Amino acid sequence: MAESSAVDPNVSELEETIQELSAYRDRLRNDVLTLGQKLRLPKAKVEASIADHPELQRIEEILIQLQGQLA
């Protein structure tokens, strides 16, 4: 039975993981924005960097999967 719970997370585990990943995503976005501002890059270039950021893209994919499991 313990293996089953390790494979199938419960609702509270999914919610906690979603919250933690969302917080990490937001921190990472803010870090990129802050760095862009410090470097005085155009806002469009910073937004493009965020849109193309591979780690942010992967986090979004994982969040979509987790939210699907939660539903």
C-alpha atoms as a PDB file:
ATOM      1  CA  MET A   1       0.000   0.000   0.000  1.00  0.00           C
ATOM      2  CA  ALA A   2       2.825   2.428   0.731  1.00  0.00           C
ATOM      3  CA  GLU A   3       4.075   2.004  -2.844  1.00  0.00           C
ATOM      4  CA  SER A   4       0.652   2.944  -4.199  1.00  0.00           C
ATOM      5  CA  SER A   5       0.645   6.260  -2.342  1.00  0.00           C
ATOM      6  CA  ALA A   6       4.178   6.955  -3.600  1.00  0.00           C
ATOM      7  CA  VAL A   7       3.008   6.460  -7.178  1.00  0.00           C
ATOM      8  CA  ASP A   8      -0.363   8.199  -6.823  1.00  0.00           C
ATOM      9  CA  PRO A   9       0.006  11.426  -4.855  1.00  0.00           C
ATOM     10  CA  ASN A  10      -2.961  12.607  -2.849  1.00  0.00           C
ATOM     11  CA  VAL A  11      -4.731  15.913  -3.417  1.00  0.00           C
ATOM     12  CA  SER A  12      -2.833  17.796  -0.717  1.00  0.00           C
ATOM     13  CA  GLU A  13       0.530  16.642  -2.123  1.00  0.00           C
ATOM     14  CA  LEU A  14      -0.490  17.775  -5.604  1.00  0.00           C
ATOM     15  CA  GLU A  15      -1.673  21.146  -4.316  1.00  0.00           C
ATOM     16  CA  GLU A  16       1.525  21.651  -2.329  1.00  0.00           C
ATOM     17  CA  THR A  17       3.675  20.769  -5.334  1.00  0.00           C
ATOM     18  CA  ILE A  18       1.685  23.106  -7.580  1.00  0.00           C
ATOM     19  CA  GLN A  19       2.084  25.939  -5.064  1.00  0.00           C
ATOM     20  CA  GLU A  20       5.824  25.363  -4.724  1.00  0.00           C
ATOM     21  CA  LEU A  21       6.401  25.161  -8.474  1.00  0.00           C
ATOM     22  CA  SER A  22       4.262  28.252  -9.057  1.00  0.00           C
ATOM     23  CA  ALA A  23       6.264  30.166  -6.454  1.00  0.00           C
ATOM     24  CA  TYR A  24       9.533  29.030  -8.055  1.00  0.00           C
ATOM     25  CA  ARG A  25       8.271  30.027 -11.518  1.00  0.00           C
ATOM     26  CA  ASP A  26       7.302  33.469 -10.214  1.00  0.00           C
ATOM     27  CA  ARG A  27      10.694  33.964  -8.526  1.00  0.00           C
ATOM     28  CA  LEU A  28      12.512  32.936 -11.688  1.00  0.00           C
ATOM     29  CA  ARG A  29      10.420  35.315 -13.810  1.00  0.00           C
ATOM     30  CA  ASN A  30      11.039  38.151 -11.360  1.00  0.00           C
ATOM     31  CA  ASP A  31      14.771  37.445 -11.391  1.00  0.00           C
ATOM     32  CA  VAL A  32      14.840  37.663 -15.193  1.00  0.00           C
ATOM     33  CA  LEU A  33      12.804  40.888 -15.123  1.00  0.00           C
ATOM     34  CA  THR A  34      15.037  42.431 -12.472  1.00  0.00           C
ATOM     35  CA  LEU A  35      18.182  41.493 -14.366  1.00  0.00           C
ATOM     36  CA  GLY A  36      16.721  42.945 -17.558  1.00  0.00           C
ATOM     37  CA  GLN A  37      15.949  46.200 -15.768  1.00  0.00           C
ATOM     38  CA  LYS A  38      19.447  46.383 -14.290  1.00  0.00           C
ATOM     39  CA  LEU A  39      20.918  45.837 -17.742  1.00  0.00           C
ATOM     40  CA  ARG A  40      18.472  48.381 -19.169  1.00  0.00           C
ATOM     41  CA  LEU A  41      17.240  45.984 -21.806  1.00  0.00           C
ATOM     42  CA  PRO A  42      14.091  46.802 -23.746  1.00  0.00           C
ATOM     43  CA  LYS A  43      10.978  45.339 -22.135  1.00  0.00           C
ATOM     44  CA  ALA A  44      10.117  43.461 -25.340  1.00  0.00           C
ATOM     45  CA  LYS A  45      13.500  41.722 -25.276  1.00  0.00           C
ATOM     46  CA  VAL A  46      13.070  40.730 -21.622  1.00  0.00           C
ATOM     47  CA  GLU A  47       9.561  39.409 -22.318  1.00  0.00           C
ATOM     48  CA  ALA A  48      10.921  37.407 -25.270  1.00  0.00           C
ATOM     49  CA  SER A  49      13.638  35.969 -23.024  1.00  0.00           C
ATOM     50  CA  ILE A  50      11.011  34.898 -20.506  1.00  0.00           C
ATOM     51  CA  ALA A  51       8.844  33.341 -23.228  1.00  0.00           C
ATOM     52  CA  ASP A  52      11.836  31.401 -24.614  1.00  0.00           C
ATOM     53  CA  HIS A  53      13.321  30.406 -21.247  1.00  0.00           C
ATOM     54  CA  PRO A  54      13.595  26.582 -21.319  1.00  0.00           C
ATOM     55  CA  GLU A  55      13.270  26.133 -17.558  1.00  0.00           C
ATOM     56  CA  LEU A  56      10.161  28.312 -17.402  1.00  0.00           C
ATOM     57  CA  GLN A  57       8.664  26.378 -20.322  1.00  0.00           C
ATOM     58  CA  ARG A  58       9.313  23.065 -18.569  1.00  0.00           C
ATOM     59  CA  ILE A  59       7.797  24.345 -15.317  1.00  0.00           C
ATOM     60  CA  GLU A  60       4.670  25.407 -17.212  1.00  0.00           C
ATOM     61  CA  GLU A  61       4.401  21.924 -18.776  1.00  0.00           C
ATOM     62  CA  ILE A  62       4.734  20.257 -15.385  1.00  0.00           C
ATOM     63  CA  LEU A  63       2.173  22.604 -13.811  1.00  0.00           C
ATOM     64  CA  ILE A  64      -0.321  21.759 -16.572  1.00  0.00           C
ATOM     65  CA  GLN A  65       0.235  18.024 -15.952  1.00  0.00           C
ATOM     66  CA  LEU A  66      -0.168  18.413 -12.197  1.00  0.00           C
ATOM     67  CA  GLN A  67      -3.312  20.498 -12.564  1.00  0.00           C
ATOM     68  CA  GLY A  68      -4.699  17.827 -14.898  1.00  0.00           C
ATOM     69  CA  GLN A  69      -4.047  15.167 -12.253  1.00  0.00           C
ATOM     70  CA  LEU A  70      -5.720  17.367  -9.676  1.00  0.00           C
ATOM     71  CA  ALA A  71      -8.872  17.807 -11.781  1.00  0.00           C
END
